[in-house]
């Protein structure tokens, strides 16, 4: 009988692991799950953090322009055919700031005089095509931007817009 008892003791008692193995397996699964969750959070947060500075460093929108409407002007045009031709023109200035508008308003009589002199020197045929009107707008912007006194600085005029343009 001694041999049977030794054989029975040497045989495994079953396929169930001991309580220590169960605890180690549960701890290992918990550590793996926590690591996966932490890695996922880090991945998504690093992508979000990388896109946040890009949004923060986006360029600021340009300043809203200031529009200033001049009173309409009527001038006699140069004529080679002996007929009298008139130009009735309405202008709106696109400016960069309210301070620029205030500076223009302070010198408006001088600016209007410059504009009237320049317009009265034009021929109707020069103003008829679209390119003639564009060239006139550029010329008027340069005239308006000129300083009114010798110590002054040039005013910035972004654009000259026609609100009325009639040649007769």
Protein backbone atom coordinates (compact mmCIF):
# COMPACT_ATOMS: atom_id res chain seq x y z
CA UNK A 1 0.00 0.00 0.00
CA UNK A 2 2.80 2.29 0.36
CA UNK A 3 3.22 2.49 -3.35
CA UNK A 4 -0.42 3.40 -3.97
CA UNK A 5 -0.38 6.20 -1.47
CA UNK A 6 2.76 7.70 -3.00
CA UNK A 7 1.22 7.54 -6.47
CA UNK A 8 -1.91 9.26 -5.33
CA UNK A 9 0.05 12.07 -3.72
CA UNK A 10 2.27 12.61 -6.80
CA UNK A 11 -0.72 13.01 -9.13
CA UNK A 12 -2.01 16.59 -9.61
CA UNK A 13 -5.05 17.46 -7.58
CA UNK A 14 -6.89 19.13 -10.47
CA UNK A 15 -6.56 21.75 -13.15
CA UNK A 16 -7.66 24.68 -10.97
CA UNK A 17 -4.85 27.13 -10.22
CA UNK A 18 -4.12 28.10 -6.69
CA UNK A 19 -5.43 31.32 -5.10
CA UNK A 20 -2.06 33.07 -5.62
CA UNK A 21 -2.17 32.45 -9.38
CA UNK A 22 -5.70 33.84 -9.57
CA UNK A 23 -4.72 37.03 -7.77
CA UNK A 24 -1.66 37.49 -10.03
CA UNK A 25 -3.77 36.95 -13.14
CA UNK A 26 -6.40 39.51 -11.98
CA UNK A 27 -3.69 42.06 -11.09
CA UNK A 28 -1.97 41.52 -14.46
CA UNK A 29 -5.25 42.07 -16.34
CA UNK A 30 -5.99 45.20 -14.26
CA UNK A 31 -2.51 46.65 -14.95
CA UNK A 32 -2.86 45.97 -18.69
CA UNK A 33 -6.32 47.59 -18.77
CA UNK A 34 -5.10 50.65 -16.84
CA UNK A 35 -2.09 50.97 -19.16
CA UNK A 36 -4.29 50.74 -22.25
CA UNK A 37 -6.68 53.35 -20.85
CA UNK A 38 -3.82 55.69 -19.91
CA UNK A 39 -2.22 55.28 -23.33
CA UNK A 40 -5.52 56.05 -25.06
CA UNK A 41 -6.07 59.17 -22.95
CA UNK A 42 -2.50 60.35 -23.62
CA UNK A 43 -2.90 59.76 -27.38
CA UNK A 44 -6.15 61.70 -27.69
CA UNK A 45 -5.06 64.49 -25.35
CA UNK A 46 -1.75 64.98 -27.19
CA UNK A 47 -3.63 65.28 -30.51
CA UNK A 48 -6.04 67.78 -28.97
CA UNK A 49 -3.21 69.77 -27.37
CA UNK A 50 -1.35 69.90 -30.69
CA UNK A 51 -4.38 71.35 -32.47
CA UNK A 52 -5.12 73.93 -29.74
CA UNK A 53 -1.98 76.08 -30.36
CA UNK A 54 -2.72 76.04 -34.08
CA UNK A 55 -6.14 77.52 -33.38
CA UNK A 56 -4.69 80.00 -30.90
CA UNK A 57 -2.02 81.17 -33.36
CA UNK A 58 -4.52 81.70 -36.18
CA UNK A 59 -4.19 85.15 -37.70
CA UNK A 60 -6.53 87.78 -36.39
CA UNK A 61 -9.17 88.94 -38.82
CA UNK A 62 -8.37 92.19 -40.57
CA UNK A 63 -9.77 95.37 -39.13
CA UNK A 64 -13.16 96.45 -40.38
CA UNK A 65 -12.66 99.19 -42.96
CA UNK A 66 -14.16 102.63 -42.54
CA UNK A 67 -16.16 104.03 -45.46
CA UNK A 68 -16.46 107.77 -45.91
CA UNK A 69 -18.82 109.18 -48.53
CA UNK A 70 -17.86 112.46 -50.17
CA UNK A 71 -20.51 114.85 -51.42
CA UNK A 72 -21.15 114.41 -55.17
CA UNK A 73 -19.26 116.77 -57.47
CA UNK A 74 -20.10 118.14 -60.89
CA UNK A 75 -17.31 119.43 -63.15
CA UNK A 76 -16.90 120.60 -66.73
CA UNK A 77 -14.71 118.28 -68.79
CA UNK A 78 -12.17 119.21 -71.47
CA UNK A 79 -13.65 119.00 -74.94
CA UNK A 80 -12.03 119.03 -78.35
CA UNK A 81 -15.30 119.11 -80.29
CA UNK A 82 -16.57 122.44 -78.94
CA UNK A 83 -19.45 120.90 -76.96
CA UNK A 84 -19.77 121.23 -73.22
CA UNK A 85 -19.40 117.96 -71.33
CA UNK A 86 -20.10 117.44 -67.67
CA UNK A 87 -19.06 114.82 -65.17
CA UNK A 88 -21.17 114.14 -62.11
CA UNK A 89 -19.27 111.90 -59.75
CA UNK A 90 -19.97 110.50 -56.30
CA UNK A 91 -17.12 108.95 -54.33
CA UNK A 92 -16.84 106.79 -51.25
CA UNK A 93 -13.41 106.29 -49.70
CA UNK A 94 -12.37 103.02 -48.12
CA UNK A 95 -10.06 103.89 -45.21
CA UNK A 96 -8.16 101.85 -42.68
CA UNK A 97 -9.29 103.61 -39.49
CA UNK A 98 -11.48 106.28 -37.96
CA UNK A 99 -8.37 108.38 -37.29
CA UNK A 100 -7.68 108.49 -41.03
CA UNK A 101 -11.22 109.67 -41.65
CA UNK A 102 -10.86 112.40 -39.03
CA UNK A 103 -7.64 113.60 -40.69
CA UNK A 104 -9.35 113.72 -44.09
CA UNK A 105 -12.38 115.58 -42.75
CA UNK A 106 -10.09 118.20 -41.22
CA UNK A 107 -8.57 118.92 -44.67
CA UNK A 108 -11.64 118.29 -46.85
CA UNK A 109 -11.75 121.72 -48.59
CA UNK A 110 -8.19 121.20 -49.87
CA UNK A 111 -8.92 117.63 -50.94
CA UNK A 112 -12.09 118.60 -52.82
CA UNK A 113 -10.18 121.37 -54.60
CA UNK A 114 -7.49 118.91 -55.72
CA UNK A 115 -10.14 116.49 -56.95
CA UNK A 116 -12.09 119.15 -58.87
CA UNK A 117 -8.95 120.43 -60.59
CA UNK A 118 -7.89 116.93 -61.59
CA UNK A 119 -11.37 115.96 -62.84
CA UNK A 120 -11.84 119.13 -64.88
CA UNK A 121 -8.68 118.29 -66.81
CA UNK A 122 -10.13 114.98 -68.12
CA UNK A 123 -11.62 114.23 -71.53
CA UNK A 124 -14.91 112.31 -71.86
CA UNK A 125 -13.26 109.72 -74.13
CA UNK A 126 -10.70 108.96 -71.41
CA UNK A 127 -13.43 108.21 -68.86
CA UNK A 128 -15.70 106.08 -71.05
CA UNK A 129 -13.86 102.69 -70.93
CA UNK A 130 -13.60 100.59 -67.80
CA UNK A 131 -9.81 100.93 -67.74
CA UNK A 132 -10.22 104.71 -67.81
CA UNK A 133 -12.43 104.56 -64.72
CA UNK A 134 -9.97 102.30 -62.91
CA UNK A 135 -7.09 104.62 -63.76
CA UNK A 136 -9.16 107.56 -62.51
CA UNK A 137 -9.85 105.78 -59.20
CA UNK A 138 -6.11 105.14 -58.73
CA UNK A 139 -5.27 108.75 -59.57
CA UNK A 140 -7.90 110.08 -57.17
CA UNK A 141 -6.64 107.83 -54.37
CA UNK A 142 -3.14 109.25 -54.85
CA UNK A 143 -4.50 112.82 -54.82
CA UNK A 144 -6.47 112.24 -51.65
CA UNK A 145 -3.51 110.58 -49.92
CA UNK A 146 -1.22 113.57 -50.51
CA UNK A 147 -0.38 115.46 -47.34
CA UNK A 148 -2.11 118.82 -46.96
CA UNK A 149 0.94 120.59 -45.56
CA UNK A 150 4.68 120.17 -46.02
CA UNK A 151 5.17 118.60 -42.57
CA UNK A 152 2.25 116.19 -42.90
CA UNK A 153 2.42 112.54 -43.76
CA UNK A 154 0.50 110.86 -46.55
CA UNK A 155 -2.92 109.51 -45.63
CA UNK A 156 -3.65 105.87 -46.40
CA UNK A 157 -6.60 105.43 -48.75
CA UNK A 158 -7.30 101.76 -49.42
CA UNK A 159 -9.69 102.32 -52.32
CA UNK A 160 -11.81 104.91 -54.10
CA UNK A 161 -15.28 103.60 -54.90
CA UNK A 162 -17.63 105.24 -57.38
CA UNK A 163 -21.18 105.66 -56.14
CA UNK A 164 -22.22 107.92 -59.00
CA UNK A 165 -20.61 108.38 -62.41
CA UNK A 166 -22.41 110.30 -65.15
CA UNK A 167 -20.74 111.82 -68.20
CA UNK A 168 -22.86 114.09 -70.44
